[in-house]
Amino acid sequence: MRTKLALVFLLLVSSFLADGIFKRVAQAQSQPNKFFCGLFQEKPATIARTPQGVVPIIVWTKSLDNGLYNPLTRCRQVSARFENFYRNSLLRYITSGRSNGQNIICVAAVMGGKCLRDGLLFTLRPDDTPRSTLIALFNISTGRASSIFYQSADSRDFLDLEAWLQTQTKLSPELIGSEL
């Protein structure tokens, strides 16, 4: 009799534990991505936290406008823009354009579309070209990235950020510093 009670007790405990584990896994998988400024290899970085782990997107090493926008300032501002566009379901395609006479990296609503009116992610330094910046930032090997990196009819490049995030190796959150 005691053996049966012990067995029933073990089954109930196992059932509750399994249920809790499955709920936590399902909850983690349903959590949306989050974009933030953190530290990666001791440098400010725009980072995506996905249900599968973290992905450094941009490691900020250079200032803009003669030091007015240092790497930490750029990281905070750009990461907030990534997060804002993501929360508003606008962060799908990343491309380039021009604003105030400067090259910019921005978001587009559709593949091949122009930058959204208020879609600025960040301004490029005068010596940076949009194509080389996109390729370098997202570590694109154009031969193997055809499903995530596109060129439009007007020769602008587009990155499908959602598809790109799926292809990236996810790091353990412990390798990333806290939000800055």
C-alpha atoms as a PDB file:
ATOM      1  CA  MET A   1       0.000   0.000   0.000  1.00  0.00           C
ATOM      2  CA  ARG A   2       2.808   2.420   0.901  1.00  0.00           C
ATOM      3  CA  THR A   3       4.529   1.606  -2.357  1.00  0.00           C
ATOM      4  CA  LYS A   4       1.392   2.529  -4.318  1.00  0.00           C
ATOM      5  CA  LEU A   5       1.025   5.804  -2.399  1.00  0.00           C
ATOM      6  CA  ALA A   6       4.688   6.612  -2.935  1.00  0.00           C
ATOM      7  CA  LEU A   7       4.306   5.859  -6.646  1.00  0.00           C
ATOM      8  CA  VAL A   8       1.196   8.054  -6.933  1.00  0.00           C
ATOM      9  CA  PHE A   9       2.992  10.827  -5.041  1.00  0.00           C
ATOM     10  CA  LEU A  10       6.024  10.596  -7.357  1.00  0.00           C
ATOM     11  CA  LEU A  11       3.779  10.691 -10.429  1.00  0.00           C
ATOM     12  CA  LEU A  12       1.983  13.782  -9.143  1.00  0.00           C
ATOM     13  CA  VAL A  13       5.227  15.578  -8.303  1.00  0.00           C
ATOM     14  CA  SER A  14       6.697  14.635 -11.688  1.00  0.00           C
ATOM     15  CA  SER A  15       3.573  15.864 -13.427  1.00  0.00           C
ATOM     16  CA  PHE A  16       3.695  19.239 -11.651  1.00  0.00           C
ATOM     17  CA  LEU A  17       7.421  19.643 -12.349  1.00  0.00           C
ATOM     18  CA  ALA A  18       7.043  18.730 -16.008  1.00  0.00           C
ATOM     19  CA  ASP A  19       4.075  21.066 -16.368  1.00  0.00           C
ATOM     20  CA  GLY A  20       6.091  23.932 -14.883  1.00  0.00           C
ATOM     21  CA  ILE A  21       9.081  23.244 -17.097  1.00  0.00           C
ATOM     22  CA  PHE A  22       6.948  23.071 -20.251  1.00  0.00           C
ATOM     23  CA  LYS A  23       5.181  26.315 -19.328  1.00  0.00           C
ATOM     24  CA  ARG A  24       8.514  28.101 -18.801  1.00  0.00           C
ATOM     25  CA  VAL A  25       9.876  26.819 -22.124  1.00  0.00           C
ATOM     26  CA  ALA A  26       6.701  27.840 -23.958  1.00  0.00           C
ATOM     27  CA  GLN A  27       6.750  31.243 -22.265  1.00  0.00           C
ATOM     28  CA  ALA A  28      10.409  31.798 -23.170  1.00  0.00           C
ATOM     29  CA  GLN A  29       9.741  30.861 -26.773  1.00  0.00           C
ATOM     30  CA  SER A  30       6.793  33.235 -26.998  1.00  0.00           C
ATOM     31  CA  GLN A  31       8.694  36.196 -25.553  1.00  0.00           C
ATOM     32  CA  PRO A  32       9.508  38.767 -28.205  1.00  0.00           C
ATOM     33  CA  ASN A  33      12.956  39.937 -29.146  1.00  0.00           C
ATOM     34  CA  LYS A  34      14.393  42.870 -27.234  1.00  0.00           C
ATOM     35  CA  PHE A  35      17.025  45.285 -28.490  1.00  0.00           C
ATOM     36  CA  PHE A  36      19.285  47.092 -26.054  1.00  0.00           C
ATOM     37  CA  CYS A  37      22.694  48.685 -25.564  1.00  0.00           C
ATOM     38  CA  GLY A  38      25.026  46.426 -23.604  1.00  0.00           C
ATOM     39  CA  LEU A  39      28.679  45.508 -23.426  1.00  0.00           C
ATOM     40  CA  PHE A  40      30.214  42.957 -25.773  1.00  0.00           C
ATOM     41  CA  GLN A  41      33.939  42.319 -25.526  1.00  0.00           C
ATOM     42  CA  GLU A  42      34.160  45.429 -23.304  1.00  0.00           C
ATOM     43  CA  LYS A  43      32.679  47.721 -25.975  1.00  0.00           C
ATOM     44  CA  PRO A  44      29.185  49.252 -26.245  1.00  0.00           C
ATOM     45  CA  ALA A  45      27.051  47.118 -28.558  1.00  0.00           C
ATOM     46  CA  THR A  46      23.518  47.080 -29.914  1.00  0.00           C
ATOM     47  CA  ILE A  47      22.299  43.623 -28.911  1.00  0.00           C
ATOM     48  CA  ALA A  48      19.229  41.552 -29.725  1.00  0.00           C
ATOM     49  CA  ARG A  49      17.919  39.302 -26.978  1.00  0.00           C
ATOM     50  CA  THR A  50      15.947  36.517 -28.644  1.00  0.00           C
ATOM     51  CA  PRO A  51      14.184  33.551 -27.047  1.00  0.00           C
ATOM     52  CA  GLN A  52      17.168  31.412 -28.110  1.00  0.00           C
ATOM     53  CA  GLY A  53      19.922  33.678 -26.749  1.00  0.00           C
ATOM     54  CA  VAL A  54      21.622  36.999 -27.459  1.00  0.00           C
ATOM     55  CA  VAL A  55      23.092  38.317 -30.706  1.00  0.00           C
ATOM     56  CA  PRO A  56      25.437  41.316 -30.862  1.00  0.00           C
ATOM     57  CA  ILE A  57      24.345  43.362 -33.876  1.00  0.00           C
ATOM     58  CA  ILE A  58      26.594  46.430 -33.871  1.00  0.00           C
ATOM     59  CA  VAL A  59      29.741  46.890 -31.799  1.00  0.00           C
ATOM     60  CA  TRP A  60      30.309  50.623 -31.514  1.00  0.00           C
ATOM     61  CA  THR A  61      33.963  51.674 -31.752  1.00  0.00           C
ATOM     62  CA  LYS A  62      33.987  55.045 -33.528  1.00  0.00           C
ATOM     63  CA  SER A  63      32.579  58.476 -32.780  1.00  0.00           C
ATOM     64  CA  LEU A  64      30.571  60.647 -35.156  1.00  0.00           C
ATOM     65  CA  ASP A  65      30.742  64.416 -35.707  1.00  0.00           C
ATOM     66  CA  ASN A  66      34.185  64.956 -34.181  1.00  0.00           C
ATOM     67  CA  GLY A  67      33.356  63.086 -30.990  1.00  0.00           C
ATOM     68  CA  LEU A  68      29.948  64.676 -30.379  1.00  0.00           C
ATOM     69  CA  TYR A  69      28.398  61.211 -30.634  1.00  0.00           C
ATOM     70  CA  ASN A  70      30.776  58.821 -28.888  1.00  0.00           C
ATOM     71  CA  PRO A  71      30.334  55.017 -29.108  1.00  0.00           C
ATOM     72  CA  LEU A  72      28.250  54.789 -25.901  1.00  0.00           C
ATOM     73  CA  THR A  73      25.924  57.613 -26.965  1.00  0.00           C
ATOM     74  CA  ARG A  74      25.482  56.077 -30.431  1.00  0.00           C
ATOM     75  CA  CYS A  75      24.851  52.664 -28.877  1.00  0.00           C
ATOM     76  CA  ARG A  76      22.138  53.967 -26.571  1.00  0.00           C
ATOM     77  CA  GLN A  77      20.396  56.023 -29.243  1.00  0.00           C
ATOM     78  CA  VAL A  78      20.511  53.404 -31.983  1.00  0.00           C
ATOM     79  CA  SER A  79      19.535  50.532 -29.681  1.00  0.00           C
ATOM     80  CA  ALA A  80      16.502  52.531 -28.539  1.00  0.00           C
ATOM     81  CA  ARG A  81      15.547  53.061 -32.193  1.00  0.00           C
ATOM     82  CA  PHE A  82      15.882  49.333 -32.925  1.00  0.00           C
ATOM     83  CA  GLU A  83      13.632  48.569 -29.938  1.00  0.00           C
ATOM     84  CA  ASN A  84      11.094  51.248 -30.866  1.00  0.00           C
ATOM     85  CA  PHE A  85      10.834  50.078 -34.481  1.00  0.00           C
ATOM     86  CA  TYR A  86      10.583  46.467 -33.312  1.00  0.00           C
ATOM     87  CA  ARG A  87       7.777  47.231 -30.835  1.00  0.00           C
ATOM     88  CA  ASN A  88       5.903  49.031 -33.609  1.00  0.00           C
ATOM     89  CA  SER A  89       6.382  46.112 -36.060  1.00  0.00           C
ATOM     90  CA  LEU A  90       8.532  48.229 -38.370  1.00  0.00           C
ATOM     91  CA  LEU A  91      11.899  46.495 -37.934  1.00  0.00           C
ATOM     92  CA  ARG A  92      11.916  44.012 -40.783  1.00  0.00           C
ATOM     93  CA  TYR A  93      14.004  45.425 -43.629  1.00  0.00           C
ATOM     94  CA  ILE A  94      17.138  47.462 -43.113  1.00  0.00           C
ATOM     95  CA  THR A  95      18.456  49.514 -46.009  1.00  0.00           C
ATOM     96  CA  SER A  96      20.201  52.788 -46.733  1.00  0.00           C
ATOM     97  CA  GLY A  97      19.153  56.222 -47.850  1.00  0.00           C
ATOM     98  CA  ARG A  98      20.027  59.871 -47.513  1.00  0.00           C
ATOM     99  CA  SER A  99      18.882  62.438 -44.999  1.00  0.00           C
ATOM    100  CA  ASN A 100      20.115  66.003 -44.610  1.00  0.00           C
ATOM    101  CA  GLY A 101      22.775  65.322 -47.253  1.00  0.00           C
ATOM    102  CA  GLN A 102      24.225  62.349 -45.365  1.00  0.00           C
ATOM    103  CA  ASN A 103      24.125  58.610 -45.946  1.00  0.00           C
ATOM    104  CA  ILE A 104      22.029  56.777 -43.385  1.00  0.00           C
ATOM    105  CA  ILE A 105      21.040  53.247 -42.411  1.00  0.00           C
ATOM    106  CA  CYS A 106      17.282  53.042 -41.973  1.00  0.00           C
ATOM    107  CA  VAL A 107      14.230  50.794 -41.954  1.00  0.00           C
ATOM    108  CA  ALA A 108      11.918  50.194 -44.892  1.00  0.00           C
ATOM    109  CA  ALA A 109       8.381  48.848 -44.721  1.00  0.00           C
ATOM    110  CA  VAL A 110       8.833  46.555 -47.714  1.00  0.00           C
ATOM    111  CA  MET A 111      11.646  44.947 -49.649  1.00  0.00           C
ATOM    112  CA  GLY A 112      12.759  47.442 -52.283  1.00  0.00           C
ATOM    113  CA  GLY A 113      10.989  50.317 -50.549  1.00  0.00           C
ATOM    114  CA  LYS A 114      12.442  53.620 -49.511  1.00  0.00           C
ATOM    115  CA  CYS A 115      13.415  54.489 -45.955  1.00  0.00           C
ATOM    116  CA  LEU A 116      10.428  55.195 -43.776  1.00  0.00           C
ATOM    117  CA  ARG A 117       9.896  58.908 -43.216  1.00  0.00           C
ATOM    118  CA  ASP A 118      11.067  58.633 -39.594  1.00  0.00           C
ATOM    119  CA  GLY A 119      12.976  55.395 -40.124  1.00  0.00           C
ATOM    120  CA  LEU A 120      16.516  56.519 -39.274  1.00  0.00           C
ATOM    121  CA  LEU A 121      18.564  53.914 -37.416  1.00  0.00           C
ATOM    122  CA  PHE A 122      21.875  55.780 -37.657  1.00  0.00           C
ATOM    123  CA  THR A 123      23.903  58.217 -39.723  1.00  0.00           C
ATOM    124  CA  LEU A 124      27.041  57.030 -41.466  1.00  0.00           C
ATOM    125  CA  ARG A 125      30.371  58.738 -41.092  1.00  0.00           C
ATOM    126  CA  PRO A 126      31.352  60.657 -44.265  1.00  0.00           C
ATOM    127  CA  ASP A 127      33.938  58.054 -45.315  1.00  0.00           C
ATOM    128  CA  ASP A 128      31.547  55.058 -44.904  1.00  0.00           C
ATOM    129  CA  THR A 129      29.536  53.706 -47.827  1.00  0.00           C
ATOM    130  CA  PRO A 130      26.072  52.215 -47.238  1.00  0.00           C
ATOM    131  CA  ARG A 131      26.824  48.877 -48.926  1.00  0.00           C
ATOM    132  CA  SER A 132      30.122  48.247 -47.153  1.00  0.00           C
ATOM    133  CA  THR A 133      28.538  49.304 -43.842  1.00  0.00           C
ATOM    134  CA  LEU A 134      25.627  46.867 -44.180  1.00  0.00           C
ATOM    135  CA  ILE A 135      27.956  44.053 -45.242  1.00  0.00           C
ATOM    136  CA  ALA A 136      30.389  44.726 -42.396  1.00  0.00           C
ATOM    137  CA  LEU A 137      27.745  45.291 -39.709  1.00  0.00           C
ATOM    138  CA  PHE A 138      25.841  42.150 -40.458  1.00  0.00           C
ATOM    139  CA  ASN A 139      28.899  40.078 -41.420  1.00  0.00           C
ATOM    140  CA  ILE A 140      27.364  39.289 -44.805  1.00  0.00           C
ATOM    141  CA  SER A 141      28.997  36.844 -47.139  1.00  0.00           C
ATOM    142  CA  THR A 142      27.048  37.780 -50.259  1.00  0.00           C
ATOM    143  CA  GLY A 143      27.489  34.367 -51.856  1.00  0.00           C
ATOM    144  CA  ARG A 144      25.724  32.539 -49.015  1.00  0.00           C
ATOM    145  CA  ALA A 145      23.330  35.225 -47.828  1.00  0.00           C
ATOM    146  CA  SER A 146      20.981  35.456 -50.804  1.00  0.00           C
ATOM    147  CA  SER A 147      17.909  34.731 -48.680  1.00  0.00           C
ATOM    148  CA  ILE A 148      18.640  37.567 -46.252  1.00  0.00           C
ATOM    149  CA  PHE A 149      20.556  40.160 -48.281  1.00  0.00           C
ATOM    150  CA  TYR A 150      18.925  41.599 -51.392  1.00  0.00           C
ATOM    151  CA  GLN A 151      19.605  44.297 -53.934  1.00  0.00           C
ATOM    152  CA  SER A 152      16.705  46.362 -55.289  1.00  0.00           C
ATOM    153  CA  ALA A 153      16.243  47.601 -58.855  1.00  0.00           C
ATOM    154  CA  ASP A 154      17.834  50.927 -57.882  1.00  0.00           C
ATOM    155  CA  SER A 155      20.906  49.051 -56.521  1.00  0.00           C
ATOM    156  CA  ARG A 156      20.138  49.670 -52.856  1.00  0.00           C
ATOM    157  CA  ASP A 157      20.859  46.777 -50.539  1.00  0.00           C
ATOM    158  CA  PHE A 158      18.299  45.349 -48.130  1.00  0.00           C
ATOM    159  CA  LEU A 159      18.772  43.111 -45.139  1.00  0.00           C
ATOM    160  CA  ASP A 160      15.902  40.969 -43.883  1.00  0.00           C
ATOM    161  CA  LEU A 161      16.666  41.400 -40.176  1.00  0.00           C
ATOM    162  CA  GLU A 162      14.267  38.692 -39.007  1.00  0.00           C
ATOM    163  CA  ALA A 163      15.852  36.115 -41.336  1.00  0.00           C
ATOM    164  CA  TRP A 164      19.346  37.317 -40.401  1.00  0.00           C
ATOM    165  CA  LEU A 165      18.653  36.862 -36.681  1.00  0.00           C
ATOM    166  CA  GLN A 166      17.522  33.283 -37.388  1.00  0.00           C
ATOM    167  CA  THR A 167      20.901  32.475 -38.981  1.00  0.00           C
ATOM    168  CA  GLN A 168      23.080  33.887 -36.219  1.00  0.00           C
ATOM    169  CA  THR A 169      24.768  31.888 -33.499  1.00  0.00           C
ATOM    170  CA  LYS A 170      23.096  32.808 -30.237  1.00  0.00           C
ATOM    171  CA  LEU A 171      25.347  33.546 -27.285  1.00  0.00           C
ATOM    172  CA  SER A 172      24.663  32.867 -23.674  1.00  0.00           C
ATOM    173  CA  PRO A 173      23.366  35.981 -21.890  1.00  0.00           C
ATOM    174  CA  GLU A 174      26.279  35.682 -19.439  1.00  0.00           C
ATOM    175  CA  LEU A 175      28.671  36.711 -22.262  1.00  0.00           C
ATOM    176  CA  ILE A 176      26.911  40.055 -22.603  1.00  0.00           C
ATOM    177  CA  GLY A 177      27.186  42.830 -20.084  1.00  0.00           C
ATOM    178  CA  SER A 178      24.097  44.351 -18.554  1.00  0.00           C
ATOM    179  CA  GLU A 179      22.122  47.050 -20.289  1.00  0.00           C
ATOM    180  CA  LEU A 180      23.905  50.407 -20.430  1.00  0.00           C
END
